Protein backbone atom coordinates (compact mmCIF):
# COMPACT_ATOMS: atom_id res chain seq x y z
CA UNK A 1 -32.40 9.28 12.05
CA UNK A 2 -34.20 10.15 14.42
CA UNK A 3 -36.85 12.26 15.23
CA UNK A 4 -35.39 14.23 17.68
CA UNK A 5 -32.13 14.72 15.77
CA UNK A 6 -33.23 15.75 12.06
CA UNK A 7 -31.56 18.06 9.73
CA UNK A 8 -32.78 21.30 9.28
CA UNK A 9 -34.75 20.24 5.85
CA UNK A 10 -37.73 18.78 7.17
CA UNK A 11 -38.47 15.56 4.87
CA UNK A 12 -42.65 16.69 5.02
CA UNK A 13 -41.32 20.01 3.24
CA UNK A 14 -43.82 20.38 0.46
CA UNK A 15 -40.83 21.60 -1.91
CA UNK A 16 -37.94 18.86 -1.05
CA UNK A 17 -37.96 15.31 -1.44
CA UNK A 18 -35.19 12.47 0.08
CA UNK A 19 -33.73 10.69 -2.61
CA UNK A 20 -31.26 7.73 -1.85
CA UNK A 21 -27.91 8.23 -3.83
CA UNK A 22 -25.78 5.33 -4.09
CA UNK A 23 -22.80 5.54 -2.53
CA UNK A 24 -23.34 8.68 -0.84
CA UNK A 25 -25.63 9.57 1.90
CA UNK A 26 -29.56 10.58 1.92
CA UNK A 27 -29.70 13.99 -0.05
CA UNK A 28 -32.55 16.79 -0.04
CA UNK A 29 -34.06 17.93 -2.96
CA UNK A 30 -36.13 20.58 -3.89
CA UNK A 31 -39.20 19.61 -6.02
CA UNK A 32 -38.35 19.48 -10.18
CA UNK A 33 -35.43 19.18 -9.55
CA UNK A 34 -32.65 16.35 -10.44
CA UNK A 35 -29.92 15.23 -7.61
CA UNK A 36 -26.42 15.78 -8.14
CA UNK A 37 -24.69 12.23 -9.31
CA UNK A 38 -21.05 13.38 -9.62
CA UNK A 39 -19.87 16.35 -8.52
CA UNK A 40 -16.77 17.74 -10.49
CA UNK A 41 -13.74 18.86 -8.29
CA UNK A 42 -14.29 22.16 -10.22
CA UNK A 43 -17.45 23.02 -8.70
CA UNK A 44 -14.94 23.53 -5.45
CA UNK A 45 -12.82 25.17 -6.44
CA UNK A 46 -10.37 22.22 -6.36
CA UNK A 47 -8.47 23.11 -9.76
CA UNK A 48 -6.59 26.08 -9.19
CA UNK A 49 -2.33 25.15 -9.51
CA UNK A 50 -0.31 26.55 -7.43
CA UNK A 51 1.49 28.55 -10.22
CA UNK A 52 4.47 30.66 -10.26
CA UNK A 53 4.81 29.67 -6.69
CA UNK A 54 4.58 26.15 -7.00
CA UNK A 55 7.54 26.32 -9.43
CA UNK A 56 9.80 28.53 -7.41
CA UNK A 57 9.11 25.94 -4.19
CA UNK A 58 9.30 23.14 -6.32
CA UNK A 59 12.93 23.81 -7.53
CA UNK A 60 13.98 25.61 -4.06
CA UNK A 61 13.04 21.87 -2.54
CA UNK A 62 15.54 20.51 -5.55
CA UNK A 63 18.39 22.32 -4.40
CA UNK A 64 17.61 21.52 -0.87
CA UNK A 65 17.66 17.67 -1.82
CA UNK A 66 21.04 18.07 -3.84
CA UNK A 67 22.65 19.78 -0.78
CA UNK A 68 21.71 16.93 1.42
CA UNK A 69 24.57 15.10 -0.64
CA UNK A 70 27.53 17.28 0.52
CA UNK A 71 28.06 16.15 4.46
CA UNK A 72 29.53 13.86 6.69
CA UNK A 73 28.02 10.57 5.82
CA UNK A 74 30.18 8.15 4.50
CA UNK A 75 27.65 5.91 2.48
CA UNK A 76 26.39 6.59 -0.74
CA UNK A 77 23.22 4.54 -0.79
CA UNK A 78 21.60 8.09 0.35
CA UNK A 79 23.21 10.10 -2.20
CA UNK A 80 21.87 7.37 -4.61
CA UNK A 81 18.31 7.89 -3.26
CA UNK A 82 18.39 12.00 -2.72
CA UNK A 83 19.36 12.57 -6.89
CA UNK A 84 16.86 9.96 -7.86
CA UNK A 85 14.32 11.93 -5.82
CA UNK A 86 15.15 15.29 -7.38
CA UNK A 87 15.83 14.18 -10.90
CA UNK A 88 12.30 12.95 -10.55
CA UNK A 89 10.97 16.45 -9.43
CA UNK A 90 13.15 17.87 -11.93
CA UNK A 91 11.23 15.98 -14.71
CA UNK A 92 7.97 16.80 -12.86
CA UNK A 93 8.62 20.34 -12.75
CA UNK A 94 10.26 20.42 -16.13
CA UNK A 95 6.50 18.35 -17.27
CA UNK A 96 4.72 21.45 -15.28
CA UNK A 97 6.24 23.81 -17.36
CA UNK A 98 5.72 22.47 -21.14
CA UNK A 99 2.41 21.79 -20.09
CA UNK A 100 1.44 25.04 -18.88
CA UNK A 101 3.13 26.89 -22.27
CA UNK A 102 0.86 24.36 -24.27
CA UNK A 103 -2.17 24.33 -22.50
CA UNK A 104 -5.61 25.17 -24.41
CA UNK A 105 -7.91 28.03 -22.88
CA UNK A 106 -10.81 29.19 -23.46
């Protein structure tokens, strides 16, 4: 990195040091701290679930897929795909409902 395009934290600052992290960019660490080697998704808020509205949207999508089986098409191969995808979504939605009911929460 060139001297004229340095980041906001200076390398010669006594309170910070730069460390090389495997498979990541160079990190800036405060004195006496340990660099973060792996960040959990929960630390960034990516652990949330869609909740009730995710279930509603899933069931509406299943109904929309099944409604496509009625129409003016003559071949039935697309019906097999539509029903198969809808059935897969039903299995996932039911699994999600069961998982929510039996989940252990601290």
